[in-house]
Every structure is written in C-alpha cells, then in structure tokens.
C-alpha cells in the first residue's frame, strides 16, 4: 500500500473493471490515481456539510 494512503474496496461488473484496467494500462495511467481523481471530483459536486482540510476555515 502506498505511504499515507488508505484503501477501499469497490465492486464493479467484470466488463467495467476490465475496460478500466485496460484503458489505464494503454494510457500509462495508474488505476488508483484515476479513481482518486474521480472520487475527488464527485465529492466536490456532491459533498454536503462535510468539513475537509481543503474547505475548512482558516484560523
């Protein structure tokens, strides 16, 4: 596991998993990095009332 990272388990259909894995490989991308970017983007659009380091008020 990468230093300073937490893991999650995600269940996908075999077709989506294989397509994601193949596309990342062919583009030279890391599946975890892409997943992180997608989840971060989704949270920016959908998170409600959750304080994170990025959106916490400055002291």
Protein backbone atom coordinates (compact mmCIF):
# COMPACT_ATOMS: atom_id res chain seq x y z
CA UNK A 1 0.00 0.00 0.00
CA UNK A 2 1.19 3.49 -0.79
CA UNK A 3 2.54 5.51 2.11
CA UNK A 4 -0.05 7.90 3.56
CA UNK A 5 -2.93 6.35 1.60
CA UNK A 6 -6.00 4.43 2.76
CA UNK A 7 -7.62 1.64 0.79
CA UNK A 8 -11.23 0.97 -0.14
CA UNK A 9 -12.91 -1.97 -1.86
CA UNK A 10 -15.14 -1.27 -4.85
CA UNK A 11 -17.30 -3.82 -6.64
CA UNK A 12 -17.71 -3.38 -10.39
CA UNK A 13 -19.02 -5.58 -13.16
CA UNK A 14 -16.21 -7.63 -14.71
CA UNK A 15 -16.67 -5.76 -18.01
CA UNK A 16 -16.25 -2.32 -16.42
CA UNK A 17 -13.26 -3.47 -14.37
CA UNK A 18 -11.53 -4.98 -17.41
CA UNK A 19 -12.23 -1.92 -19.55
CA UNK A 20 -10.97 0.44 -16.82
CA UNK A 21 -7.83 -1.64 -16.24
CA UNK A 22 -7.08 -1.94 -19.97
CA UNK A 23 -7.69 1.75 -20.67
CA UNK A 24 -5.47 2.83 -17.78
CA UNK A 25 -2.74 0.44 -18.94
CA UNK A 26 -2.86 1.61 -22.55
CA UNK A 27 -2.70 5.25 -21.45
CA UNK A 28 0.10 4.56 -18.95
CA UNK A 29 -2.07 5.62 -16.02
CA UNK A 30 -2.43 4.22 -12.51
CA UNK A 31 -5.91 2.91 -11.65
CA UNK A 32 -5.66 4.22 -8.08
CA UNK A 33 -4.66 7.70 -9.24
CA UNK A 34 -7.61 7.87 -11.66
CA UNK A 35 -10.00 6.55 -9.00
CA UNK A 36 -8.73 9.19 -6.57
CA UNK A 37 -9.29 11.97 -9.13
CA UNK A 38 -12.79 10.72 -9.99
CA UNK A 39 -13.86 10.42 -6.35
CA UNK A 40 -12.41 13.83 -5.52
CA UNK A 41 -14.30 15.38 -8.45
CA UNK A 42 -17.53 13.64 -7.42
CA UNK A 43 -17.14 14.88 -3.83
CA UNK A 44 -16.67 18.48 -4.98
CA UNK A 45 -20.02 18.26 -6.74
CA UNK A 46 -21.92 16.20 -4.17
CA UNK A 47 -20.49 16.59 -0.66
CA UNK A 48 -22.84 18.26 1.79
CA UNK A 49 -21.76 19.82 5.07
CA UNK A 50 -18.54 17.86 5.41
CA UNK A 51 -15.51 19.84 6.57
CA UNK A 52 -12.24 18.74 4.98
CA UNK A 53 -8.73 20.17 5.05
CA UNK A 54 -9.41 21.87 1.71
CA UNK A 55 -12.62 23.64 2.70
CA UNK A 56 -12.05 24.24 6.42
CA UNK A 57 -11.98 27.89 7.56
CA UNK A 58 -8.55 29.44 8.05
CA UNK A 59 -7.58 30.29 11.67
